[in-house]
Each structure stands twice: as structure tokens, then as C-alpha cells.
Amino acid sequence: MAGIAIKKTGQYLILIYVGWILIIIGAGLLTTLRADSSIAKAVGFQVVIGSGVGMVYVAIIFPILASIPVTQTAPAMALYVFSRNFGSVSPSSDVFPSLSHSVTNDLPNLDLGCHRRRCCHPE
């Protein structure tokens, strides 16, 4: 869709903006989901954010290629694809589960000191 629009209009910047707007709106809509929300609602919100991500992924290629000589397109695209893929594999997938496990294990034993007992230190 984005590639066709860029080919017809010759403009890629507007699609990048529209894509980011859809990503922001979709992320905001996803925060409104609850455990009892309908599947149609969840899928619809994911379509919004997915449309934005798809537009940005396609439209961002054009400014990369427009700013370099033709002989440098292969290394530029390789760097772009590597960066995009490396960014999607974040260490948070390894860090956050272990962090949440340690927090949930240590939380009941956490000494809150005076805040829990409502005492005050005499000076």
C-alpha cells in the first residue's frame, strides 16, 4: 500500500508521518484493552498499529536510497535491514523476565523499615 502510494505521488515523507501517527494511535488504543475486551477489538487495534509499522518500514527505504550514490545501495540496505532486525531482538526479552522473577521473590521479604511500622527516628 505504501509503495503504491509513493509510486503514484512521488512523496514518501507524508507516509512516514502517517505511519508514525498510526503507530502512536494504535499503541494508545492497545493500552485501553482489558482482560474482558473482545477479540475483534484487540485485532482491530493491532491492525491499526501494524498498518503504521508497515508504512514506516516501506517508506523509510526511499530516503535512505535517495541520499546515496547507486553504487552504495547494497551496503546501505544491508545496514538498514541489520539495524531493523537487531533492534527487534532486544535484551529486554532476557532481562525483564529474570528481573520480574527476582522482584516477586524478594518483595515479600522487603524490609520497609519505619514506613511499614509508622515509627520515627528520635534524634
PDB file of N, CA and C in Angstrom:
ATOM      1  N   MET A   1       0.817  -1.181   0.000  1.00  0.00           N
ATOM      2  CA  MET A   1       0.000   0.000   0.000  1.00  0.00           C
ATOM      3  C   MET A   1       0.872   1.261   0.000  1.00  0.00           C
ATOM      4  N   ALA A   2       1.870   1.295   0.879  1.00  0.00           N
ATOM      5  CA  ALA A   2       2.725   2.476   0.952  1.00  0.00           C
ATOM      6  C   ALA A   2       3.574   2.611  -0.301  1.00  0.00           C
ATOM      7  N   GLY A   3       4.076   1.481  -0.807  1.00  0.00           N
ATOM      8  CA  GLY A   3       4.884   1.523  -2.017  1.00  0.00           C
ATOM      9  C   GLY A   3       4.095   2.024  -3.212  1.00  0.00           C
ATOM     10  N   ILE A   4       2.848   1.605  -3.323  1.00  0.00           N
ATOM     11  CA  ILE A   4       1.990   2.056  -4.424  1.00  0.00           C
ATOM     12  C   ILE A   4       1.718   3.548  -4.282  1.00  0.00           C
ATOM     13  N   ALA A   5       1.425   3.996  -3.070  1.00  0.00           N
ATOM     14  CA  ALA A   5       1.161   5.420  -2.840  1.00  0.00           C
ATOM     15  C   ALA A   5       2.384   6.268  -3.163  1.00  0.00           C
ATOM     16  N   ILE A   6       3.559   5.786  -2.808  1.00  0.00           N
ATOM     17  CA  ILE A   6       4.779   6.538  -3.096  1.00  0.00           C
ATOM     18  C   ILE A   6       5.035   6.572  -4.594  1.00  0.00           C
ATOM     19  N   LYS A   7       4.767   5.469  -5.276  1.00  0.00           N
ATOM     20  CA  LYS A   7       4.970   5.437  -6.732  1.00  0.00           C
ATOM     21  C   LYS A   7       4.021   6.395  -7.440  1.00  0.00           C
ATOM     22  N   LYS A   8       2.786   6.474  -6.988  1.00  0.00           N
ATOM     23  CA  LYS A   8       1.804   7.355  -7.631  1.00  0.00           C
ATOM     24  C   LYS A   8       2.042   8.828  -7.324  1.00  0.00           C
ATOM     25  N   THR A   9       2.403   9.144  -6.079  1.00  0.00           N
ATOM     26  CA  THR A   9       2.541  10.541  -5.672  1.00  0.00           C
ATOM     27  C   THR A   9       3.963  11.062  -5.767  1.00  0.00           C
ATOM     28  N   GLY A  10       4.939  10.176  -5.641  1.00  0.00           N
ATOM     29  CA  GLY A  10       6.332  10.608  -5.613  1.00  0.00           C
ATOM     30  C   GLY A  10       6.743  11.204  -4.272  1.00  0.00           C
ATOM     31  N   GLN A  11       5.892  11.108  -3.279  1.00  0.00           N
ATOM     32  CA  GLN A  11       6.153  11.656  -1.950  1.00  0.00           C
ATOM     33  C   GLN A  11       6.247  10.517  -0.935  1.00  0.00           C
ATOM     34  N   TYR A  12       7.303  10.499  -0.152  1.00  0.00           N
ATOM     35  CA  TYR A  12       7.434   9.465   0.875  1.00  0.00           C
ATOM     36  C   TYR A  12       7.330  10.034   2.281  1.00  0.00           C
ATOM     37  N   LEU A  13       7.583  11.300   2.449  1.00  0.00           N
ATOM     38  CA  LEU A  13       7.607  11.883   3.784  1.00  0.00           C
ATOM     39  C   LEU A  13       6.228  11.853   4.443  1.00  0.00           C
ATOM     40  N   ILE A  14       5.189  12.124   3.672  1.00  0.00           N
ATOM     41  CA  ILE A  14       3.846  12.127   4.252  1.00  0.00           C
ATOM     42  C   ILE A  14       3.466  10.735   4.758  1.00  0.00           C
ATOM     43  N   LEU A  15       3.915   9.691   4.057  1.00  0.00           N
ATOM     44  CA  LEU A  15       3.598   8.333   4.504  1.00  0.00           C
ATOM     45  C   LEU A  15       4.367   7.963   5.769  1.00  0.00           C
ATOM     46  N   ILE A  16       5.554   8.494   5.916  1.00  0.00           N
ATOM     47  CA  ILE A  16       6.296   8.260   7.162  1.00  0.00           C
ATOM     48  C   ILE A  16       5.555   8.903   8.332  1.00  0.00           C
ATOM     49  N   TYR A  17       5.078  10.138   8.128  1.00  0.00           N
ATOM     50  CA  TYR A  17       4.315  10.802   9.186  1.00  0.00           C
ATOM     51  C   TYR A  17       3.012  10.061   9.492  1.00  0.00           C
ATOM     52  N   VAL A  18       2.297   9.667   8.461  1.00  0.00           N
ATOM     53  CA  VAL A  18       1.035   8.944   8.666  1.00  0.00           C
ATOM     54  C   VAL A  18       1.299   7.618   9.379  1.00  0.00           C
ATOM     55  N   GLY A  19       2.379   6.939   8.985  1.00  0.00           N
ATOM     56  CA  GLY A  19       2.731   5.676   9.644  1.00  0.00           C
ATOM     57  C   GLY A  19       2.999   5.861  11.123  1.00  0.00           C
ATOM     58  N   TRP A  20       3.773   6.895  11.470  1.00  0.00           N
ATOM     59  CA  TRP A  20       4.063   7.133  12.890  1.00  0.00           C
ATOM     60  C   TRP A  20       2.812   7.544  13.650  1.00  0.00           C
ATOM     61  N   ILE A  21       1.942   8.286  13.008  1.00  0.00           N
ATOM     62  CA  ILE A  21       0.680   8.654  13.667  1.00  0.00           C
ATOM     63  C   ILE A  21      -0.154   7.410  13.945  1.00  0.00           C
ATOM     64  N   LEU A  22      -0.213   6.486  12.970  1.00  0.00           N
ATOM     65  CA  LEU A  22      -0.946   5.240  13.184  1.00  0.00           C
ATOM     66  C   LEU A  22      -0.311   4.392  14.285  1.00  0.00           C
ATOM     67  N   ILE A  23       1.005   4.385  14.349  1.00  0.00           N
ATOM     68  CA  ILE A  23       1.683   3.637  15.411  1.00  0.00           C
ATOM     69  C   ILE A  23       1.318   4.214  16.777  1.00  0.00           C
ATOM     70  N   ILE A  24       1.352   5.517  16.894  1.00  0.00           N
ATOM     71  CA  ILE A  24       1.025   6.165  18.178  1.00  0.00           C
ATOM     72  C   ILE A  24      -0.426   5.920  18.558  1.00  0.00           C
ATOM     73  N   ILE A  25      -1.328   6.082  17.597  1.00  0.00           N
ATOM     74  CA  ILE A  25      -2.747   5.843  17.873  1.00  0.00           C
ATOM     75  C   ILE A  25      -2.983   4.380  18.243  1.00  0.00           C
ATOM     76  N   GLY A  26      -2.377   3.467  17.483  1.00  0.00           N
ATOM     77  CA  GLY A  26      -2.551   2.045  17.769  1.00  0.00           C
ATOM     78  C   GLY A  26      -1.999   1.660  19.129  1.00  0.00           C
ATOM     79  N   ALA A  27      -0.838   2.210  19.495  1.00  0.00           N
ATOM     80  CA  ALA A  27      -0.273   1.920  20.817  1.00  0.00           C
ATOM     81  C   ALA A  27      -1.179   2.464  21.911  1.00  0.00           C
ATOM     82  N   GLY A  28      -1.713   3.639  21.695  1.00  0.00           N
ATOM     83  CA  GLY A  28      -2.647   4.199  22.675  1.00  0.00           C
ATOM     84  C   GLY A  28      -3.908   3.360  22.800  1.00  0.00           C
ATOM     85  N   LEU A  29      -4.422   2.891  21.665  1.00  0.00           N
ATOM     86  CA  LEU A  29      -5.611   2.042  21.714  1.00  0.00           C
ATOM     87  C   LEU A  29      -5.328   0.717  22.407  1.00  0.00           C
ATOM     88  N   LEU A  30      -4.143   0.170  22.198  1.00  0.00           N
ATOM     89  CA  LEU A  30      -3.802  -1.094  22.857  1.00  0.00           C
ATOM     90  C   LEU A  30      -3.774  -0.956  24.375  1.00  0.00           C
ATOM     91  N   THR A  31      -3.461   0.227  24.869  1.00  0.00           N
ATOM     92  CA  THR A  31      -3.439   0.414  26.322  1.00  0.00           C
ATOM     93  C   THR A  31      -4.834   0.409  26.928  1.00  0.00           C
ATOM     94  N   THR A  32      -5.862   0.546  26.095  1.00  0.00           N
ATOM     95  CA  THR A  32      -7.233   0.537  26.610  1.00  0.00           C
ATOM     96  C   THR A  32      -7.815  -0.867  26.713  1.00  0.00           C
ATOM     97  N   LEU A  33      -7.101  -1.859  26.194  1.00  0.00           N
ATOM     98  CA  LEU A  33      -7.617  -3.226  26.253  1.00  0.00           C
ATOM     99  C   LEU A  33      -7.616  -3.739  27.685  1.00  0.00           C
ATOM    100  N   ARG A  34      -8.646  -4.507  27.998  1.00  0.00           N
ATOM    101  CA  ARG A  34      -8.754  -5.145  29.299  1.00  0.00           C
ATOM    102  C   ARG A  34      -8.886  -6.640  29.091  1.00  0.00           C
ATOM    103  N   ALA A  35      -8.865  -7.377  30.161  1.00  0.00           N
ATOM    104  CA  ALA A  35      -8.954  -8.837  30.059  1.00  0.00           C
ATOM    105  C   ALA A  35     -10.274  -9.280  29.442  1.00  0.00           C
ATOM    106  N   ASP A  36     -11.329  -8.496  29.629  1.00  0.00           N
ATOM    107  CA  ASP A  36     -12.631  -8.885  29.091  1.00  0.00           C
ATOM    108  C   ASP A  36     -12.954  -8.196  27.759  1.00  0.00           C
ATOM    109  N   SER A  37     -11.970  -7.557  27.127  1.00  0.00           N
ATOM    110  CA  SER A  37     -12.193  -6.924  25.828  1.00  0.00           C
ATOM    111  C   SER A  37     -12.408  -7.985  24.760  1.00  0.00           C
ATOM    112  N   SER A  38     -13.158  -7.622  23.744  1.00  0.00           N
ATOM    113  CA  SER A  38     -13.448  -8.581  22.681  1.00  0.00           C
ATOM    114  C   SER A  38     -12.218  -8.816  21.805  1.00  0.00           C
ATOM    115  N   ILE A  39     -12.196  -9.966  21.177  1.00  0.00           N
ATOM    116  CA  ILE A  39     -11.095 -10.302  20.282  1.00  0.00           C
ATOM    117  C   ILE A  39     -11.108  -9.374  19.073  1.00  0.00           C
ATOM    118  N   ALA A  40     -12.285  -9.020  18.595  1.00  0.00           N
ATOM    119  CA  ALA A  40     -12.385  -8.111  17.451  1.00  0.00           C
ATOM    120  C   ALA A  40     -11.750  -6.756  17.759  1.00  0.00           C
ATOM    121  N   LYS A  41     -11.951  -6.287  18.965  1.00  0.00           N
ATOM    122  CA  LYS A  41     -11.351  -5.022  19.388  1.00  0.00           C
ATOM    123  C   LYS A  41      -9.830  -5.130  19.418  1.00  0.00           C
ATOM    124  N   ALA A  42      -9.321  -6.222  19.974  1.00  0.00           N
ATOM    125  CA  ALA A  42      -7.876  -6.426  20.054  1.00  0.00           C
ATOM    126  C   ALA A  42      -7.267  -6.545  18.663  1.00  0.00           C
ATOM    127  N   VAL A  43      -7.920  -7.289  17.794  1.00  0.00           N
ATOM    128  CA  VAL A  43      -7.414  -7.444  16.427  1.00  0.00           C
ATOM    129  C   VAL A  43      -7.467  -6.118  15.683  1.00  0.00           C
ATOM    130  N   GLY A  44      -8.537  -5.379  15.850  1.00  0.00           N
ATOM    131  CA  GLY A  44      -8.660  -4.081  15.188  1.00  0.00           C
ATOM    132  C   GLY A  44      -7.569  -3.111  15.607  1.00  0.00           C
ATOM    133  N   PHE A  45      -7.254  -3.082  16.894  1.00  0.00           N
ATOM    134  CA  PHE A  45      -6.191  -2.206  17.381  1.00  0.00           C
ATOM    135  C   PHE A  45      -4.831  -2.633  16.843  1.00  0.00           C
ATOM    136  N   GLN A  46      -4.630  -3.943  16.733  1.00  0.00           N
ATOM    137  CA  GLN A  46      -3.369  -4.438  16.189  1.00  0.00           C
ATOM    138  C   GLN A  46      -3.243  -4.134  14.705  1.00  0.00           C
ATOM    139  N   VAL A  47      -4.367  -4.113  13.999  1.00  0.00           N
ATOM    140  CA  VAL A  47      -4.344  -3.743  12.579  1.00  0.00           C
ATOM    141  C   VAL A  47      -3.914  -2.288  12.430  1.00  0.00           C
ATOM    142  N   VAL A  48      -4.382  -1.427  13.318  1.00  0.00           N
ATOM    143  CA  VAL A  48      -4.004  -0.010  13.268  1.00  0.00           C
ATOM    144  C   VAL A  48      -2.501   0.143  13.459  1.00  0.00           C
ATOM    145  N   ILE A  49      -1.965  -0.441  14.508  1.00  0.00           N
ATOM    146  CA  ILE A  49      -0.535  -0.303  14.772  1.00  0.00           C
ATOM    147  C   ILE A  49       0.293  -1.035  13.710  1.00  0.00           C
ATOM    148  N   GLY A  50      -0.196  -2.170  13.247  1.00  0.00           N
ATOM    149  CA  GLY A  50       0.512  -2.904  12.206  1.00  0.00           C
ATOM    150  C   GLY A  50       0.552  -2.163  10.883  1.00  0.00           C
ATOM    151  N   SER A  51      -0.514  -1.461  10.568  1.00  0.00           N
ATOM    152  CA  SER A  51      -0.530  -0.643   9.347  1.00  0.00           C
ATOM    153  C   SER A  51       0.510   0.469   9.434  1.00  0.00           C
ATOM    154  N   GLY A  52       0.618   1.073  10.589  1.00  0.00           N
ATOM    155  CA  GLY A  52       1.614   2.122  10.776  1.00  0.00           C
ATOM    156  C   GLY A  52       3.031   1.596  10.663  1.00  0.00           C
ATOM    157  N   VAL A  53       3.295   0.460  11.285  1.00  0.00           N
ATOM    158  CA  VAL A  53       4.635  -0.131  11.219  1.00  0.00           C
ATOM    159  C   VAL A  53       4.965  -0.510   9.776  1.00  0.00           C
ATOM    160  N   GLY A  54       4.003  -1.090   9.078  1.00  0.00           N
ATOM    161  CA  GLY A  54       4.231  -1.460   7.683  1.00  0.00           C
ATOM    162  C   GLY A  54       4.516  -0.257   6.803  1.00  0.00           C
ATOM    163  N   MET A  55       3.801   0.818   7.021  1.00  0.00           N
ATOM    164  CA  MET A  55       4.034   2.033   6.232  1.00  0.00           C
ATOM    165  C   MET A  55       5.424   2.600   6.494  1.00  0.00           C
ATOM    166  N   VAL A  56       5.814   2.640   7.741  1.00  0.00           N
ATOM    167  CA  VAL A  56       7.128   3.190   8.074  1.00  0.00           C
ATOM    168  C   VAL A  56       8.233   2.296   7.534  1.00  0.00           C
ATOM    169  N   TYR A  57       8.081   0.980   7.667  1.00  0.00           N
ATOM    170  CA  TYR A  57       9.115   0.062   7.165  1.00  0.00           C
ATOM    171  C   TYR A  57       9.331   0.234   5.669  1.00  0.00           C
ATOM    172  N   VAL A  58       8.263   0.410   4.921  1.00  0.00           N
ATOM    173  CA  VAL A  58       8.389   0.550   3.467  1.00  0.00           C
ATOM    174  C   VAL A  58       8.849   1.953   3.097  1.00  0.00           C
ATOM    175  N   ALA A  59       8.251   2.956   3.699  1.00  0.00           N
ATOM    176  CA  ALA A  59       8.519   4.334   3.287  1.00  0.00           C
ATOM    177  C   ALA A  59       9.907   4.816   3.691  1.00  0.00           C
ATOM    178  N   ILE A  60      10.504   4.242   4.710  1.00  0.00           N
ATOM    179  CA  ILE A  60      11.806   4.708   5.174  1.00  0.00           C
ATOM    180  C   ILE A  60      12.926   4.283   4.221  1.00  0.00           C
ATOM    181  N   ILE A  61      12.672   3.317   3.375  1.00  0.00           N
ATOM    182  CA  ILE A  61      13.687   2.860   2.424  1.00  0.00           C
ATOM    183  C   ILE A  61      14.009   3.955   1.403  1.00  0.00           C
ATOM    184  N   PHE A  62      13.034   4.701   0.987  1.00  0.00           N
ATOM    185  CA  PHE A  62      13.227   5.699  -0.079  1.00  0.00           C
ATOM    186  C   PHE A  62      14.178   6.827   0.308  1.00  0.00           C
ATOM    187  N   PRO A  63      14.071   7.433   1.485  1.00  0.00           N
ATOM    188  CA  PRO A  63      15.060   8.456   1.826  1.00  0.00           C
ATOM    189  C   PRO A  63      16.471   7.900   1.997  1.00  0.00           C
ATOM    190  N   ILE A  64      16.563   6.654   2.427  1.00  0.00           N
ATOM    191  CA  ILE A  64      17.893   6.037   2.543  1.00  0.00           C
ATOM    192  C   ILE A  64      18.527   5.939   1.162  1.00  0.00           C
ATOM    193  N   LEU A  65      17.783   5.432   0.205  1.00  0.00           N
ATOM    194  CA  LEU A  65      18.317   5.236  -1.135  1.00  0.00           C
ATOM    195  C   LEU A  65      18.487   6.546  -1.899  1.00  0.00           C
ATOM    196  N   ALA A  66      17.669   7.534  -1.590  1.00  0.00           N
ATOM    197  CA  ALA A  66      17.754   8.805  -2.319  1.00  0.00           C
ATOM    198  C   ALA A  66      18.977   9.617  -1.926  1.00  0.00           C
ATOM    199  N   SER A  67      19.532   9.349  -0.762  1.00  0.00           N
ATOM    200  CA  SER A  67      20.628  10.182  -0.266  1.00  0.00           C
ATOM    201  C   SER A  67      22.014   9.631  -0.571  1.00  0.00           C
ATOM    202  N   ILE A  68      22.100   8.521  -1.281  1.00  0.00           N
ATOM    203  CA  ILE A  68      23.408   7.908  -1.544  1.00  0.00           C
ATOM    204  C   ILE A  68      23.558   7.592  -3.029  1.00  0.00           C
ATOM    205  N   PRO A  69      24.803   7.414  -3.495  1.00  0.00           N
ATOM    206  CA  PRO A  69      25.000   7.014  -4.886  1.00  0.00           C
ATOM    207  C   PRO A  69      24.513   5.580  -5.118  1.00  0.00           C
ATOM    208  N   VAL A  70      24.195   5.269  -6.353  1.00  0.00           N
ATOM    209  CA  VAL A  70      23.660   3.955  -6.706  1.00  0.00           C
ATOM    210  C   VAL A  70      24.635   2.841  -6.318  1.00  0.00           C
ATOM    211  N   THR A  71      25.914   3.104  -6.377  1.00  0.00           N
ATOM    212  CA  THR A  71      26.904   2.067  -6.050  1.00  0.00           C
ATOM    213  C   THR A  71      26.893   1.694  -4.570  1.00  0.00           C
ATOM    214  N   GLN A  72      26.297   2.517  -3.741  1.00  0.00           N
ATOM    215  CA  GLN A  72      26.274   2.261  -2.298  1.00  0.00           C
ATOM    216  C   GLN A  72      24.930   1.729  -1.797  1.00  0.00           C
ATOM    217  N   THR A  73      24.020   1.384  -2.711  1.00  0.00           N
ATOM    218  CA  THR A  73      22.694   0.946  -2.263  1.00  0.00           C
ATOM    219  C   THR A  73      22.734  -0.392  -1.517  1.00  0.00           C
ATOM    220  N   ALA A  74      23.563  -1.324  -1.980  1.00  0.00           N
ATOM    221  CA  ALA A  74      23.615  -2.631  -1.310  1.00  0.00           C
ATOM    222  C   ALA A  74      24.121  -2.518   0.124  1.00  0.00           C
ATOM    223  N   PRO A  75      25.258  -1.837   0.384  1.00  0.00           N
ATOM    224  CA  PRO A  75      25.673  -1.717   1.791  1.00  0.00           C
ATOM    225  C   PRO A  75      24.685  -0.921   2.643  1.00  0.00           C
ATOM    226  N   ALA A  76      24.062   0.088   2.046  1.00  0.00           N
ATOM    227  CA  ALA A  76      23.086   0.883   2.813  1.00  0.00           C
ATOM    228  C   ALA A  76      21.878   0.047   3.195  1.00  0.00           C
ATOM    229  N   MET A  77      21.378  -0.752   2.267  1.00  0.00           N
ATOM    230  CA  MET A  77      20.229  -1.596   2.581  1.00  0.00           C
ATOM    231  C   MET A  77      20.609  -2.694   3.576  1.00  0.00           C
ATOM    232  N   ALA A  78      21.832  -3.216   3.449  1.00  0.00           N
ATOM    233  CA  ALA A  78      22.281  -4.234   4.403  1.00  0.00           C
ATOM    234  C   ALA A  78      22.340  -3.661   5.816  1.00  0.00           C
ATOM    235  N   LEU A  79      22.859  -2.440   5.944  1.00  0.00           N
ATOM    236  CA  LEU A  79      22.917  -1.800   7.256  1.00  0.00           C
ATOM    237  C   LEU A  79      21.515  -1.525   7.788  1.00  0.00           C
ATOM    238  N   TYR A  80      20.613  -1.074   6.918  1.00  0.00           N
ATOM    239  CA  TYR A  80      19.238  -0.796   7.328  1.00  0.00           C
ATOM    240  C   TYR A  80      18.555  -2.072   7.824  1.00  0.00           C
ATOM    241  N   VAL A  81      18.653  -3.144   7.064  1.00  0.00           N
ATOM    242  CA  VAL A  81      17.999  -4.395   7.451  1.00  0.00           C
ATOM    243  C   VAL A  81      18.618  -4.955   8.723  1.00  0.00           C
ATOM    244  N   PHE A  82      19.947  -4.903   8.822  1.00  0.00           N
ATOM    245  CA  PHE A  82      20.606  -5.367  10.033  1.00  0.00           C
ATOM    246  C   PHE A  82      20.143  -4.566  11.246  1.00  0.00           C
ATOM    247  N   SER A  83      20.115  -3.246  11.116  1.00  0.00           N
ATOM    248  CA  SER A  83      19.707  -2.390  12.237  1.00  0.00           C
ATOM    249  C   SER A  83      18.269  -2.662  12.641  1.00  0.00           C
ATOM    250  N   ARG A  84      17.402  -2.819  11.670  1.00  0.00           N
ATOM    251  CA  ARG A  84      15.992  -3.077  11.959  1.00  0.00           C
ATOM    252  C   ARG A  84      15.828  -4.422  12.658  1.00  0.00           C
ATOM    253  N   ASN A  85      16.514  -5.439  12.163  1.00  0.00           N
ATOM    254  CA  ASN A  85      16.399  -6.757  12.779  1.00  0.00           C
ATOM    255  C   ASN A  85      17.074  -6.813  14.144  1.00  0.00           C
ATOM    256  N   PHE A  86      18.210  -6.152  14.288  1.00  0.00           N
ATOM    257  CA  PHE A  86      18.903  -6.134  15.574  1.00  0.00           C
ATOM    258  C   PHE A  86      18.072  -5.401  16.619  1.00  0.00           C
ATOM    259  N   GLY A  87      17.391  -4.349  16.208  1.00  0.00           N
ATOM    260  CA  GLY A  87      16.550  -3.604  17.135  1.00  0.00           C
ATOM    261  C   GLY A  87      15.342  -4.386  17.611  1.00  0.00           C
ATOM    262  N   SER A  88      14.864  -5.314  16.781  1.00  0.00           N
ATOM    263  CA  SER A  88      13.695  -6.090  17.186  1.00  0.00           C
ATOM    264  C   SER A  88      14.057  -7.219  18.132  1.00  0.00           C
ATOM    265  N   VAL A  89      15.324  -7.595  18.185  1.00  0.00           N
ATOM    266  CA  VAL A  89      15.780  -8.625  19.120  1.00  0.00           C
ATOM    267  C   VAL A  89      16.470  -7.899  20.260  1.00  0.00           C
ATOM    268  N   SER A  90      15.701  -7.496  21.223  1.00  0.00           N
ATOM    269  CA  SER A  90      16.254  -6.691  22.300  1.00  0.00           C
ATOM    270  C   SER A  90      16.619  -7.560  23.497  1.00  0.00           C
ATOM    271  N   PRO A  91      17.545  -7.090  24.294  1.00  0.00           N
ATOM    272  CA  PRO A  91      17.881  -7.849  25.507  1.00  0.00           C
ATOM    273  C   PRO A  91      16.769  -7.829  26.535  1.00  0.00           C
ATOM    274  N   SER A  92      15.751  -6.996  26.326  1.00  0.00           N
ATOM    275  CA  SER A  92      14.661  -6.943  27.302  1.00  0.00           C
ATOM    276  C   SER A  92      13.926  -8.271  27.384  1.00  0.00           C
ATOM    277  N   SER A  93      13.956  -9.051  26.307  1.00  0.00           N
ATOM    278  CA  SER A  93      13.291 -10.355  26.362  1.00  0.00           C
ATOM    279  C   SER A  93      13.998 -11.302  27.330  1.00  0.00           C
ATOM    280  N   ASP A  94      15.276 -11.056  27.602  1.00  0.00           N
ATOM    281  CA  ASP A  94      16.003 -11.872  28.578  1.00  0.00           C
ATOM    282  C   ASP A  94      16.062 -11.212  29.948  1.00  0.00           C
ATOM    283  N   VAL A  95      16.135  -9.893  29.984  1.00  0.00           N
ATOM    284  CA  VAL A  95      16.341  -9.184  31.242  1.00  0.00           C
ATOM    285  C   VAL A  95      15.060  -9.096  32.059  1.00  0.00           C
ATOM    286  N   PHE A  96      13.949  -8.697  31.445  1.00  0.00           N
ATOM    287  CA  PHE A  96      12.743  -8.430  32.209  1.00  0.00           C
ATOM    288  C   PHE A  96      12.138  -9.662  32.875  1.00  0.00           C
ATOM    289  N   PRO A  97      12.103 -10.826  32.216  1.00  0.00           N
ATOM    290  CA  PRO A  97      11.570 -11.984  32.961  1.00  0.00           C
ATOM    291  C   PRO A  97      12.395 -12.331  34.198  1.00  0.00           C
ATOM    292  N   SER A  98      13.717 -12.268  34.079  1.00  0.00           N
ATOM    293  CA  SER A  98      14.538 -12.597  35.255  1.00  0.00           C
ATOM    294  C   SER A  98      14.416 -11.507  36.317  1.00  0.00           C
ATOM    295  N   LEU A  99      14.289 -10.257  35.892  1.00  0.00           N
ATOM    296  CA  LEU A  99      14.112  -9.165  36.847  1.00  0.00           C
ATOM    297  C   LEU A  99      12.781  -9.289  37.569  1.00  0.00           C
ATOM    298  N   SER A 100      11.714  -9.573  36.840  1.00  0.00           N
ATOM    299  CA  SER A 100      10.409  -9.696  37.486  1.00  0.00           C
ATOM    300  C   SER A 100      10.376 -10.903  38.408  1.00  0.00           C
ATOM    301  N   HIS A 101      11.097 -11.966  38.052  1.00  0.00           N
ATOM    302  CA  HIS A 101      11.155 -13.140  38.922  1.00  0.00           C
ATOM    303  C   HIS A 101      11.854 -12.793  40.233  1.00  0.00           C
ATOM    304  N   SER A 102      12.963 -12.064  40.162  1.00  0.00           N
ATOM    305  CA  SER A 102      13.681 -11.721  41.388  1.00  0.00           C
ATOM    306  C   SER A 102      12.883 -10.722  42.222  1.00  0.00           C
ATOM    307  N   VAL A 103      12.172  -9.804  41.577  1.00  0.00           N
ATOM    308  CA  VAL A 103      11.373  -8.829  42.328  1.00  0.00           C
ATOM    309  C   VAL A 103      10.231  -9.529  43.045  1.00  0.00           C
ATOM    310  N   THR A 104       9.549 -10.437  42.362  1.00  0.00           N
ATOM    311  CA  THR A 104       8.427 -11.111  43.012  1.00  0.00           C
ATOM    312  C   THR A 104       8.885 -12.038  44.127  1.00  0.00           C
ATOM    313  N   ASN A 105      10.097 -12.574  44.023  1.00  0.00           N
ATOM    314  CA  ASN A 105      10.613 -13.407  45.111  1.00  0.00           C
ATOM    315  C   ASN A 105      11.068 -12.571  46.303  1.00  0.00           C
ATOM    316  N   ASP A 106      11.654 -11.410  46.038  1.00  0.00           N
ATOM    317  CA  ASP A 106      12.201 -10.583  47.107  1.00  0.00           C
ATOM    318  C   ASP A 106      11.178  -9.627  47.715  1.00  0.00           C
ATOM    319  N   LEU A 107      10.108  -9.349  47.041  1.00  0.00           N
ATOM    320  CA  LEU A 107       9.150  -8.351  47.503  1.00  0.00           C
ATOM    321  C   LEU A 107       8.523  -8.696  48.851  1.00  0.00           C
ATOM    322  N   PRO A 108       8.096  -9.938  49.085  1.00  0.00           N
ATOM    323  CA  PRO A 108       7.513 -10.228  50.413  1.00  0.00           C
ATOM    324  C   PRO A 108       8.515 -10.073  51.547  1.00  0.00           C
ATOM    325  N   ASN A 109       9.800 -10.235  51.287  1.00  0.00           N
ATOM    326  CA  ASN A 109      10.818 -10.138  52.328  1.00  0.00           C
ATOM    327  C   ASN A 109      11.431  -8.749  52.435  1.00  0.00           C
ATOM    328  N   LEU A 110      10.926  -7.814  51.694  1.00  0.00           N
ATOM    329  CA  LEU A 110      11.486  -6.471  51.657  1.00  0.00           C
ATOM    330  C   LEU A 110      11.225  -5.762  52.982  1.00  0.00           C
ATOM    331  N   ASP A 111      12.277  -5.252  53.599  1.00  0.00           N
ATOM    332  CA  ASP A 111      12.145  -4.532  54.860  1.00  0.00           C
ATOM    333  C   ASP A 111      11.893  -3.068  54.552  1.00  0.00           C
ATOM    334  N   LEU A 112      10.696  -2.613  54.836  1.00  0.00           N
ATOM    335  CA  LEU A 112      10.353  -1.221  54.583  1.00  0.00           C
ATOM    336  C   LEU A 112      10.685  -0.325  55.766  1.00  0.00           C
ATOM    337  N   GLY A 113      11.181  -0.890  56.822  1.00  0.00           N
ATOM    338  CA  GLY A 113      11.616  -0.101  57.962  1.00  0.00           C
ATOM    339  C   GLY A 113      10.479   0.682  58.586  1.00  0.00           C
ATOM    340  N   CYS A 114      10.738   1.944  58.834  1.00  0.00           N
ATOM    341  CA  CYS A 114       9.776   2.804  59.522  1.00  0.00           C
ATOM    342  C   CYS A 114       8.506   3.030  58.720  1.00  0.00           C
ATOM    343  N   HIS A 115       8.568   2.911  57.431  1.00  0.00           N
ATOM    344  CA  HIS A 115       7.384   3.186  56.621  1.00  0.00           C
ATOM    345  C   HIS A 115       6.287   2.161  56.878  1.00  0.00           C
ATOM    346  N   ARG A 116       6.685   0.948  57.173  1.00  0.00           N
ATOM    347  CA  ARG A 116       5.684  -0.068  57.433  1.00  0.00           C
ATOM    348  C   ARG A 116       5.178   0.035  58.871  1.00  0.00           C
ATOM    349  N   ARG A 117       6.086   0.301  59.819  1.00  0.00           N
ATOM    350  CA  ARG A 117       5.712   0.325  61.237  1.00  0.00           C
ATOM    351  C   ARG A 117       5.261   1.710  61.694  1.00  0.00           C
ATOM    352  N   ARG A 118       5.365   2.685  60.822  1.00  0.00           N
ATOM    353  CA  ARG A 118       4.971   4.062  61.119  1.00  0.00           C
ATOM    354  C   ARG A 118       5.701   4.590  62.361  1.00  0.00           C
ATOM    355  N   CYS A 119       6.955   4.277  62.455  1.00  0.00           N
ATOM    356  CA  CYS A 119       7.736   4.789  63.557  1.00  0.00           C
ATOM    357  C   CYS A 119       8.566   5.971  63.095  1.00  0.00           C
ATOM    358  N   CYS A 120       9.134   6.644  64.024  1.00  0.00           N
ATOM    359  CA  CYS A 120      10.022   7.738  63.635  1.00  0.00           C
ATOM    360  C   CYS A 120      11.317   7.612  64.430  1.00  0.00           C
ATOM    361  N   HIS A 121      12.367   8.094  63.845  1.00  0.00           N
ATOM    362  CA  HIS A 121      13.669   8.007  64.497  1.00  0.00           C
ATOM    363  C   HIS A 121      13.851   9.186  65.452  1.00  0.00           C
ATOM    364  N   PRO A 122      14.092   8.912  66.716  1.00  0.00           N
ATOM    365  CA  PRO A 122      14.369  10.032  67.624  1.00  0.00           C
ATOM    366  C   PRO A 122      15.781  10.552  67.353  1.00  0.00           C
ATOM    367  N   GLU A 123      15.912  11.816  67.406  1.00  0.00           N
ATOM    368  CA  GLU A 123      17.232  12.416  67.164  1.00  0.00           C
ATOM    369  C   GLU A 123      17.825  12.927  68.416  1.00  0.00           C
TER     370      GLU A 123
END
